[in-house]
Amino acid sequence: MAERFIEVSLDKRGVSCTAKLLDDRAPITCEAVWNALPLGGDVYHAKYARNEIYALIPPFAPEEPPLENPTITPIPGDLCYFTFTDTQLNTASYGYEAAAEQRGAQAAHATRSTVIDLALFYERNNLLINGDAGWVPGIVWGAVVEGLDAMAEACQDLWRAGALGETLNFRRA
């Protein structure tokens, strides 16, 4: 299979980087993401994992990928995929608005909603542990190969200046 690349961008800040899909390590996840591109949404900066930005989006894969190429210690440039039910993210400590899907807005449905977290890790010393749930392994499905320095600078700006109005987007390169 030929190498596949995507662009990861913070559109309001006008910054992007290029990532290579890790088809050899996470083929099911890579195929699901590739087939669903473009993807994106409001960007959040992590509170627990440290140097991470992410977007929460509705499920898009025919079936959720298995935990392939897992990590709890992502490195700079890793793109990770997480699956959460709405009840896993429904406490006020996460900082999501009260009506957000990930805060239980779908509670009236007979089955629990699922939300997908597509994340970019931009600096070292990350640990995927959550005070409410413990270890949170993610699927590493991509690696930034170009533009990480500029993206990391923009991510630091998100942390300090705020993320309101900014989006994190994933598109075919």
N, C-alpha and C. Protein backbone atom coordinates (compact mmCIF):
# COMPACT_ATOMS: atom_id res chain seq x y z
N MET A 1 0.84 -1.18 0.00
CA MET A 1 0.00 0.00 0.00
C MET A 1 0.89 1.25 0.00
N ALA A 2 0.51 2.22 -0.77
CA ALA A 2 1.25 3.48 -0.83
C ALA A 2 1.04 4.25 0.47
N GLU A 3 2.05 5.02 0.85
CA GLU A 3 1.94 5.85 2.05
C GLU A 3 0.82 6.86 1.87
N ARG A 4 0.09 7.13 2.96
CA ARG A 4 -0.99 8.10 2.93
C ARG A 4 -0.70 9.21 3.94
N PHE A 5 -1.05 10.43 3.56
CA PHE A 5 -0.77 11.59 4.40
C PHE A 5 -2.03 12.42 4.57
N ILE A 6 -2.10 13.08 5.73
CA ILE A 6 -3.20 14.00 6.00
C ILE A 6 -2.65 15.33 6.49
N GLU A 7 -3.49 16.34 6.36
CA GLU A 7 -3.18 17.65 6.93
C GLU A 7 -4.00 17.79 8.21
N VAL A 8 -3.33 18.24 9.27
CA VAL A 8 -3.99 18.53 10.55
C VAL A 8 -3.87 20.03 10.74
N SER A 9 -4.99 20.71 10.98
CA SER A 9 -4.93 22.17 11.01
C SER A 9 -5.74 22.78 12.15
N LEU A 10 -5.27 23.93 12.57
CA LEU A 10 -6.01 24.85 13.42
C LEU A 10 -6.32 26.03 12.51
N ASP A 11 -7.53 26.05 11.98
CA ASP A 11 -7.85 26.97 10.88
C ASP A 11 -7.84 28.44 11.28
N LYS A 12 -8.38 28.78 12.44
CA LYS A 12 -8.41 30.19 12.86
C LYS A 12 -6.99 30.74 13.03
N ARG A 13 -6.10 29.90 13.52
CA ARG A 13 -4.72 30.32 13.72
C ARG A 13 -3.89 30.20 12.45
N GLY A 14 -4.44 29.58 11.41
CA GLY A 14 -3.75 29.47 10.13
C GLY A 14 -2.51 28.61 10.17
N VAL A 15 -2.53 27.55 10.98
CA VAL A 15 -1.37 26.67 11.08
C VAL A 15 -1.79 25.23 10.78
N SER A 16 -0.88 24.49 10.16
CA SER A 16 -1.15 23.09 9.87
C SER A 16 0.13 22.30 9.90
N CYS A 17 -0.03 21.00 9.96
CA CYS A 17 1.11 20.08 9.87
C CYS A 17 0.67 18.89 9.03
N THR A 18 1.64 18.11 8.58
CA THR A 18 1.37 16.94 7.76
C THR A 18 1.70 15.69 8.57
N ALA A 19 0.80 14.72 8.52
CA ALA A 19 1.01 13.47 9.25
C ALA A 19 0.89 12.29 8.29
N LYS A 20 1.68 11.29 8.57
CA LYS A 20 1.64 10.03 7.83
C LYS A 20 0.75 9.05 8.58
N LEU A 21 -0.16 8.40 7.87
CA LEU A 21 -0.98 7.36 8.49
C LEU A 21 -0.11 6.14 8.76
N LEU A 22 -0.30 5.51 9.90
CA LEU A 22 0.48 4.33 10.29
C LEU A 22 -0.28 3.07 9.90
N ASP A 23 -0.46 2.90 8.59
CA ASP A 23 -1.23 1.77 8.06
C ASP A 23 -0.65 0.43 8.48
N ASP A 24 0.65 0.36 8.68
CA ASP A 24 1.27 -0.91 9.06
C ASP A 24 1.03 -1.27 10.52
N ARG A 25 0.71 -0.29 11.36
CA ARG A 25 0.53 -0.53 12.80
C ARG A 25 -0.93 -0.46 13.25
N ALA A 26 -1.73 0.33 12.56
CA ALA A 26 -3.14 0.50 12.93
C ALA A 26 -4.00 0.52 11.67
N PRO A 27 -3.99 -0.57 10.91
CA PRO A 27 -4.66 -0.57 9.61
C PRO A 27 -6.17 -0.35 9.67
N ILE A 28 -6.84 -0.89 10.66
CA ILE A 28 -8.30 -0.74 10.74
C ILE A 28 -8.67 0.70 11.06
N THR A 29 -7.97 1.28 12.02
CA THR A 29 -8.23 2.66 12.40
C THR A 29 -7.89 3.61 11.26
N CYS A 30 -6.75 3.41 10.62
CA CYS A 30 -6.36 4.27 9.50
C CYS A 30 -7.38 4.23 8.38
N GLU A 31 -7.87 3.05 8.07
CA GLU A 31 -8.86 2.93 6.99
C GLU A 31 -10.16 3.65 7.36
N ALA A 32 -10.59 3.50 8.61
CA ALA A 32 -11.82 4.16 9.06
C ALA A 32 -11.67 5.68 8.99
N VAL A 33 -10.55 6.20 9.47
CA VAL A 33 -10.33 7.65 9.44
C VAL A 33 -10.24 8.13 8.00
N TRP A 34 -9.42 7.48 7.18
CA TRP A 34 -9.23 7.89 5.79
C TRP A 34 -10.55 7.96 5.03
N ASN A 35 -11.38 6.95 5.22
CA ASN A 35 -12.66 6.89 4.50
C ASN A 35 -13.64 7.96 4.97
N ALA A 36 -13.45 8.48 6.17
CA ALA A 36 -14.37 9.48 6.73
C ALA A 36 -13.90 10.93 6.54
N LEU A 37 -12.66 11.12 6.09
CA LEU A 37 -12.13 12.48 5.94
C LEU A 37 -12.94 13.29 4.95
N PRO A 38 -13.09 14.59 5.16
CA PRO A 38 -12.52 15.41 6.24
C PRO A 38 -13.32 15.26 7.53
N LEU A 39 -12.61 15.42 8.65
CA LEU A 39 -13.19 15.35 9.99
C LEU A 39 -12.71 16.55 10.79
N GLY A 40 -13.47 16.94 11.78
CA GLY A 40 -13.01 18.02 12.64
C GLY A 40 -14.13 18.58 13.49
N GLY A 41 -13.76 19.53 14.32
CA GLY A 41 -14.72 20.17 15.19
C GLY A 41 -14.03 21.12 16.13
N ASP A 42 -14.79 21.61 17.10
CA ASP A 42 -14.21 22.51 18.10
C ASP A 42 -13.00 21.85 18.74
N VAL A 43 -11.97 22.63 18.96
CA VAL A 43 -10.75 22.10 19.56
C VAL A 43 -10.79 22.31 21.07
N TYR A 44 -10.26 21.33 21.79
CA TYR A 44 -10.08 21.40 23.23
C TYR A 44 -8.61 21.15 23.53
N HIS A 45 -8.12 21.73 24.62
CA HIS A 45 -6.77 21.42 25.10
C HIS A 45 -6.93 20.52 26.30
N ALA A 46 -6.15 19.46 26.37
CA ALA A 46 -6.27 18.49 27.46
C ALA A 46 -5.99 19.11 28.82
N LYS A 47 -6.68 18.56 29.82
CA LYS A 47 -6.42 18.93 31.21
C LYS A 47 -5.57 17.85 31.88
N TYR A 48 -5.85 16.59 31.59
CA TYR A 48 -5.19 15.48 32.27
C TYR A 48 -3.97 14.95 31.51
N ALA A 49 -4.09 14.79 30.22
CA ALA A 49 -3.03 14.14 29.43
C ALA A 49 -1.84 15.04 29.19
N ARG A 50 -1.99 16.31 29.34
CA ARG A 50 -0.93 17.31 29.29
C ARG A 50 -0.84 18.02 27.95
N ASN A 51 0.01 17.60 27.06
CA ASN A 51 0.32 18.32 25.82
C ASN A 51 -0.47 17.75 24.64
N GLU A 52 -1.78 17.91 24.71
CA GLU A 52 -2.70 17.31 23.75
C GLU A 52 -3.78 18.31 23.38
N ILE A 53 -4.11 18.35 22.09
CA ILE A 53 -5.31 19.03 21.63
C ILE A 53 -6.17 17.97 20.95
N TYR A 54 -7.48 18.19 20.96
CA TYR A 54 -8.36 17.18 20.39
C TYR A 54 -9.69 17.78 19.98
N ALA A 55 -10.39 17.06 19.12
CA ALA A 55 -11.76 17.37 18.72
C ALA A 55 -12.62 16.16 19.04
N LEU A 56 -13.83 16.43 19.51
CA LEU A 56 -14.80 15.38 19.79
C LEU A 56 -15.82 15.37 18.66
N ILE A 57 -15.95 14.21 18.02
CA ILE A 57 -16.82 14.11 16.85
C ILE A 57 -17.71 12.87 16.95
N PRO A 58 -18.81 12.86 16.23
CA PRO A 58 -19.67 11.67 16.24
C PRO A 58 -18.94 10.47 15.61
N PRO A 59 -19.34 9.27 15.97
CA PRO A 59 -18.73 8.08 15.38
C PRO A 59 -18.88 8.08 13.86
N PHE A 60 -17.88 7.53 13.19
CA PHE A 60 -17.90 7.52 11.73
C PHE A 60 -17.53 6.16 11.15
N ALA A 61 -16.97 5.27 11.93
CA ALA A 61 -16.56 3.96 11.43
C ALA A 61 -17.75 3.01 11.43
N PRO A 62 -17.82 2.09 10.46
CA PRO A 62 -18.90 1.10 10.46
C PRO A 62 -18.94 0.31 11.78
N GLU A 63 -17.76 0.00 12.30
CA GLU A 63 -17.60 -0.62 13.62
C GLU A 63 -16.41 0.06 14.27
N GLU A 64 -16.48 0.25 15.60
CA GLU A 64 -15.36 0.89 16.27
C GLU A 64 -14.11 0.02 16.14
N PRO A 65 -12.97 0.64 15.83
CA PRO A 65 -11.73 -0.13 15.68
C PRO A 65 -11.31 -0.79 17.00
N PRO A 66 -10.64 -1.92 16.90
CA PRO A 66 -10.09 -2.55 18.10
C PRO A 66 -8.91 -1.70 18.60
N LEU A 67 -8.46 -1.97 19.79
CA LEU A 67 -7.34 -1.24 20.37
C LEU A 67 -6.04 -1.74 19.73
N GLU A 68 -5.75 -1.22 18.52
CA GLU A 68 -4.52 -1.60 17.81
C GLU A 68 -3.48 -0.50 18.00
N ASN A 69 -2.23 -0.88 18.09
CA ASN A 69 -1.12 0.05 18.30
C ASN A 69 -1.40 0.97 19.50
N PRO A 70 -1.73 0.39 20.66
CA PRO A 70 -2.13 1.20 21.81
C PRO A 70 -0.95 1.87 22.51
N THR A 71 -1.28 2.96 23.19
CA THR A 71 -0.29 3.65 24.02
C THR A 71 -1.00 4.31 25.19
N ILE A 72 -0.25 4.51 26.28
CA ILE A 72 -0.66 5.39 27.37
C ILE A 72 0.40 6.49 27.55
N THR A 73 1.43 6.47 26.69
CA THR A 73 2.50 7.47 26.75
C THR A 73 2.79 8.03 25.36
N PRO A 74 1.86 8.77 24.77
CA PRO A 74 2.09 9.30 23.42
C PRO A 74 3.27 10.26 23.38
N ILE A 75 3.92 10.29 22.23
CA ILE A 75 5.08 11.15 22.03
C ILE A 75 4.70 12.31 21.10
N PRO A 76 5.54 13.34 21.04
CA PRO A 76 5.24 14.47 20.15
C PRO A 76 5.00 14.01 18.72
N GLY A 77 3.89 14.48 18.16
CA GLY A 77 3.54 14.14 16.78
C GLY A 77 2.58 12.98 16.65
N ASP A 78 2.30 12.27 17.74
CA ASP A 78 1.34 11.16 17.66
C ASP A 78 -0.07 11.68 17.45
N LEU A 79 -0.79 11.02 16.55
CA LEU A 79 -2.24 11.22 16.40
C LEU A 79 -2.90 10.01 17.05
N CYS A 80 -3.83 10.25 17.96
CA CYS A 80 -4.49 9.16 18.67
C CYS A 80 -5.99 9.21 18.48
N TYR A 81 -6.60 8.04 18.61
CA TYR A 81 -8.04 7.81 18.46
C TYR A 81 -8.54 7.21 19.76
N PHE A 82 -9.59 7.82 20.32
CA PHE A 82 -10.21 7.32 21.54
C PHE A 82 -11.71 7.21 21.30
N THR A 83 -12.33 6.24 21.92
CA THR A 83 -13.78 6.08 21.89
C THR A 83 -14.29 6.22 23.32
N PHE A 84 -15.30 7.10 23.51
CA PHE A 84 -15.91 7.29 24.82
C PHE A 84 -17.42 7.21 24.69
N THR A 85 -18.09 6.74 25.74
CA THR A 85 -19.53 6.89 25.80
C THR A 85 -19.81 8.26 26.40
N ASP A 86 -21.03 8.76 26.18
CA ASP A 86 -21.37 10.08 26.71
C ASP A 86 -21.23 10.11 28.24
N THR A 87 -21.48 9.01 28.92
CA THR A 87 -21.40 9.02 30.37
C THR A 87 -19.96 9.10 30.88
N GLN A 88 -18.99 8.73 30.07
CA GLN A 88 -17.59 8.83 30.50
C GLN A 88 -17.11 10.27 30.55
N LEU A 89 -17.75 11.16 29.82
CA LEU A 89 -17.31 12.55 29.76
C LEU A 89 -18.36 13.51 30.32
N ASN A 90 -19.23 13.03 31.20
CA ASN A 90 -20.36 13.88 31.58
C ASN A 90 -20.19 14.66 32.88
N THR A 91 -19.04 14.67 33.51
CA THR A 91 -18.88 15.47 34.71
C THR A 91 -18.43 16.88 34.36
N ALA A 92 -18.79 17.82 35.21
CA ALA A 92 -18.44 19.22 34.98
C ALA A 92 -16.94 19.45 34.94
N SER A 93 -16.16 18.56 35.54
CA SER A 93 -14.71 18.75 35.58
C SER A 93 -14.06 18.75 34.20
N TYR A 94 -14.75 18.19 33.20
CA TYR A 94 -14.19 18.18 31.86
C TYR A 94 -14.30 19.52 31.15
N GLY A 95 -15.23 20.36 31.60
CA GLY A 95 -15.34 21.71 31.04
C GLY A 95 -16.21 21.85 29.81
N TYR A 96 -16.97 20.81 29.44
CA TYR A 96 -17.84 20.90 28.28
C TYR A 96 -19.14 21.59 28.69
N GLU A 97 -19.73 22.33 27.77
CA GLU A 97 -20.98 23.01 28.07
C GLU A 97 -22.06 21.99 28.43
N ALA A 98 -23.01 22.40 29.24
CA ALA A 98 -24.01 21.48 29.80
C ALA A 98 -24.82 20.76 28.75
N ALA A 99 -25.08 21.37 27.58
CA ALA A 99 -25.91 20.74 26.56
C ALA A 99 -25.11 19.92 25.55
N ALA A 100 -23.80 19.83 25.72
CA ALA A 100 -22.97 19.12 24.74
C ALA A 100 -23.28 17.63 24.74
N GLU A 101 -23.16 17.02 23.57
CA GLU A 101 -23.44 15.60 23.44
C GLU A 101 -22.61 14.78 24.42
N GLN A 102 -21.34 15.14 24.60
CA GLN A 102 -20.47 14.39 25.49
C GLN A 102 -20.81 14.58 26.97
N ARG A 103 -21.75 15.49 27.30
CA ARG A 103 -22.20 15.69 28.68
C ARG A 103 -23.53 14.99 28.93
N GLY A 104 -23.96 14.11 28.03
CA GLY A 104 -25.16 13.33 28.29
C GLY A 104 -26.41 13.85 27.64
N ALA A 105 -26.29 14.71 26.64
CA ALA A 105 -27.47 15.25 25.97
C ALA A 105 -28.27 14.14 25.28
N GLN A 106 -27.66 13.00 25.04
CA GLN A 106 -28.35 11.90 24.38
C GLN A 106 -28.95 10.91 25.39
N ALA A 107 -29.01 11.29 26.66
CA ALA A 107 -29.46 10.37 27.71
C ALA A 107 -30.87 9.83 27.47
N ALA A 108 -31.69 10.54 26.72
CA ALA A 108 -33.06 10.09 26.48
C ALA A 108 -33.11 8.87 25.58
N HIS A 109 -32.04 8.62 24.83
CA HIS A 109 -32.02 7.45 23.94
C HIS A 109 -31.80 6.18 24.74
N ALA A 110 -32.29 5.09 24.21
CA ALA A 110 -32.19 3.81 24.91
C ALA A 110 -30.74 3.33 25.00
N THR A 111 -29.92 3.66 24.02
CA THR A 111 -28.53 3.25 24.06
C THR A 111 -27.65 4.47 24.29
N ARG A 112 -26.50 4.27 24.84
CA ARG A 112 -25.60 5.38 25.11
C ARG A 112 -24.96 5.88 23.83
N SER A 113 -24.79 7.17 23.77
CA SER A 113 -24.08 7.78 22.65
C SER A 113 -22.60 7.45 22.74
N THR A 114 -21.98 7.48 21.61
CA THR A 114 -20.53 7.33 21.55
C THR A 114 -19.96 8.60 20.95
N VAL A 115 -18.83 9.01 21.46
CA VAL A 115 -18.13 10.16 20.91
C VAL A 115 -16.69 9.73 20.63
N ILE A 116 -16.17 10.22 19.52
CA ILE A 116 -14.80 9.91 19.11
C ILE A 116 -13.92 11.11 19.40
N ASP A 117 -12.78 10.86 19.98
CA ASP A 117 -11.78 11.87 20.31
C ASP A 117 -10.61 11.64 19.37
N LEU A 118 -10.39 12.59 18.45
CA LEU A 118 -9.20 12.55 17.59
C LEU A 118 -8.22 13.58 18.14
N ALA A 119 -7.04 13.13 18.51
CA ALA A 119 -6.10 13.96 19.25
C ALA A 119 -4.75 14.07 18.57
N LEU A 120 -4.10 15.21 18.83
CA LEU A 120 -2.72 15.45 18.42
C LEU A 120 -1.93 15.75 19.69
N PHE A 121 -0.84 15.03 19.88
CA PHE A 121 0.08 15.29 20.98
C PHE A 121 1.27 16.07 20.42
N TYR A 122 1.58 17.20 21.04
CA TYR A 122 2.54 18.12 20.45
C TYR A 122 3.84 18.30 21.23
N GLU A 123 3.95 17.72 22.39
CA GLU A 123 5.16 17.86 23.20
C GLU A 123 5.34 16.59 24.02
N ARG A 124 6.47 16.51 24.71
CA ARG A 124 6.83 15.32 25.49
C ARG A 124 6.07 15.26 26.82
N ASN A 125 6.30 14.14 27.53
CA ASN A 125 5.84 13.93 28.91
C ASN A 125 4.33 13.85 29.05
N ASN A 126 3.71 13.07 28.20
CA ASN A 126 2.26 12.84 28.25
C ASN A 126 1.99 11.49 28.93
N LEU A 127 0.92 11.45 29.69
CA LEU A 127 0.52 10.21 30.35
C LEU A 127 -0.99 10.15 30.32
N LEU A 128 -1.53 9.10 29.72
CA LEU A 128 -2.97 8.97 29.53
C LEU A 128 -3.61 8.31 30.75
N ILE A 129 -3.74 9.11 31.79
CA ILE A 129 -4.42 8.67 33.00
C ILE A 129 -5.44 9.72 33.36
N ASN A 130 -6.59 9.27 33.81
CA ASN A 130 -7.70 10.15 34.13
C ASN A 130 -8.10 9.91 35.58
N GLY A 131 -8.27 10.97 36.34
CA GLY A 131 -8.62 10.84 37.75
C GLY A 131 -9.93 10.13 38.00
N ASP A 132 -10.86 10.20 37.04
CA ASP A 132 -12.15 9.53 37.20
C ASP A 132 -12.12 8.07 36.78
N ALA A 133 -11.30 7.74 35.79
CA ALA A 133 -11.39 6.43 35.17
C ALA A 133 -10.11 5.60 35.19
N GLY A 134 -8.97 6.20 35.49
CA GLY A 134 -7.71 5.46 35.46
C GLY A 134 -7.04 5.56 34.09
N TRP A 135 -6.36 4.49 33.69
CA TRP A 135 -5.64 4.47 32.42
C TRP A 135 -6.61 4.60 31.26
N VAL A 136 -6.21 5.40 30.25
CA VAL A 136 -7.03 5.61 29.06
C VAL A 136 -6.16 5.36 27.83
N PRO A 137 -6.00 4.09 27.43
CA PRO A 137 -5.17 3.82 26.25
C PRO A 137 -5.80 4.36 24.98
N GLY A 138 -4.96 4.85 24.09
CA GLY A 138 -5.40 5.35 22.80
C GLY A 138 -4.75 4.58 21.68
N ILE A 139 -5.34 4.67 20.51
CA ILE A 139 -4.80 4.05 19.30
C ILE A 139 -3.93 5.09 18.60
N VAL A 140 -2.65 4.79 18.39
CA VAL A 140 -1.78 5.68 17.62
C VAL A 140 -1.95 5.30 16.16
N TRP A 141 -2.53 6.21 15.39
CA TRP A 141 -2.85 5.92 13.98
C TRP A 141 -2.12 6.82 13.00
N GLY A 142 -1.41 7.82 13.49
CA GLY A 142 -0.67 8.72 12.60
C GLY A 142 0.49 9.36 13.33
N ALA A 143 1.44 9.87 12.55
CA ALA A 143 2.61 10.53 13.10
C ALA A 143 2.92 11.77 12.25
N VAL A 144 3.06 12.91 12.91
CA VAL A 144 3.39 14.15 12.21
C VAL A 144 4.81 14.04 11.64
N VAL A 145 4.93 14.36 10.36
CA VAL A 145 6.23 14.28 9.68
C VAL A 145 6.73 15.65 9.22
N GLU A 146 5.86 16.66 9.29
CA GLU A 146 6.25 18.00 8.86
C GLU A 146 5.37 19.03 9.55
N GLY A 147 6.01 20.08 10.08
CA GLY A 147 5.28 21.21 10.64
C GLY A 147 4.92 21.12 12.11
N LEU A 148 5.53 20.17 12.85
CA LEU A 148 5.16 20.01 14.25
C LEU A 148 5.58 21.22 15.09
N ASP A 149 6.71 21.84 14.81
CA ASP A 149 7.15 22.99 15.61
C ASP A 149 6.14 24.13 15.57
N ALA A 150 5.66 24.48 14.39
CA ALA A 150 4.68 25.55 14.26
C ALA A 150 3.36 25.16 14.92
N MET A 151 2.96 23.89 14.77
CA MET A 151 1.72 23.43 15.40
C MET A 151 1.86 23.46 16.92
N ALA A 152 3.01 23.04 17.45
CA ALA A 152 3.21 23.06 18.90
C ALA A 152 3.13 24.48 19.45
N GLU A 153 3.67 25.43 18.72
CA GLU A 153 3.58 26.83 19.14
C GLU A 153 2.12 27.29 19.19
N ALA A 154 1.35 26.91 18.19
CA ALA A 154 -0.08 27.26 18.17
C ALA A 154 -0.83 26.55 19.29
N CYS A 155 -0.44 25.32 19.61
CA CYS A 155 -1.08 24.59 20.70
C CYS A 155 -0.80 25.26 22.04
N GLN A 156 0.41 25.74 22.23
CA GLN A 156 0.73 26.48 23.45
C GLN A 156 -0.11 27.75 23.53
N ASP A 157 -0.33 28.40 22.39
CA ASP A 157 -1.18 29.59 22.37
C ASP A 157 -2.62 29.23 22.76
N LEU A 158 -3.10 28.06 22.30
CA LEU A 158 -4.43 27.59 22.70
C LEU A 158 -4.50 27.46 24.22
N TRP A 159 -3.47 26.89 24.81
CA TRP A 159 -3.43 26.67 26.25
C TRP A 159 -3.50 28.00 27.00
N ARG A 160 -2.73 28.98 26.54
CA ARG A 160 -2.64 30.25 27.25
C ARG A 160 -3.76 31.23 26.87
N ALA A 161 -4.11 31.31 25.60
CA ALA A 161 -5.06 32.32 25.13
C ALA A 161 -6.49 31.80 25.04
N GLY A 162 -6.67 30.49 25.00
CA GLY A 162 -8.00 29.91 24.92
C GLY A 162 -8.32 29.34 23.55
N ALA A 163 -9.26 28.42 23.53
CA ALA A 163 -9.61 27.69 22.32
C ALA A 163 -10.93 28.11 21.70
N LEU A 164 -11.67 29.01 22.33
CA LEU A 164 -12.97 29.40 21.80
C LEU A 164 -12.87 29.90 20.37
N GLY A 165 -13.74 29.35 19.53
CA GLY A 165 -13.78 29.76 18.13
C GLY A 165 -12.77 29.05 17.24
N GLU A 166 -11.92 28.22 17.80
CA GLU A 166 -10.91 27.50 17.02
C GLU A 166 -11.39 26.09 16.73
N THR A 167 -11.00 25.56 15.58
CA THR A 167 -11.35 24.19 15.20
C THR A 167 -10.09 23.40 14.90
N LEU A 168 -10.17 22.11 15.15
CA LEU A 168 -9.12 21.17 14.79
C LEU A 168 -9.67 20.32 13.66
N ASN A 169 -8.95 20.29 12.54
CA ASN A 169 -9.44 19.62 11.34
C ASN A 169 -8.43 18.64 10.79
N PHE A 170 -8.94 17.56 10.21
CA PHE A 170 -8.14 16.50 9.61
C PHE A 170 -8.63 16.34 8.18
N ARG A 171 -7.74 16.51 7.19
CA ARG A 171 -8.09 16.40 5.78
C ARG A 171 -7.02 15.59 5.04
N ARG A 172 -7.41 15.02 3.93
CA ARG A 172 -6.41 14.36 3.08
C ARG A 172 -5.41 15.39 2.57
N ALA A 173 -4.15 15.03 2.58
CA ALA A 173 -3.10 15.95 2.10
C ALA A 173 -2.92 15.81 0.60
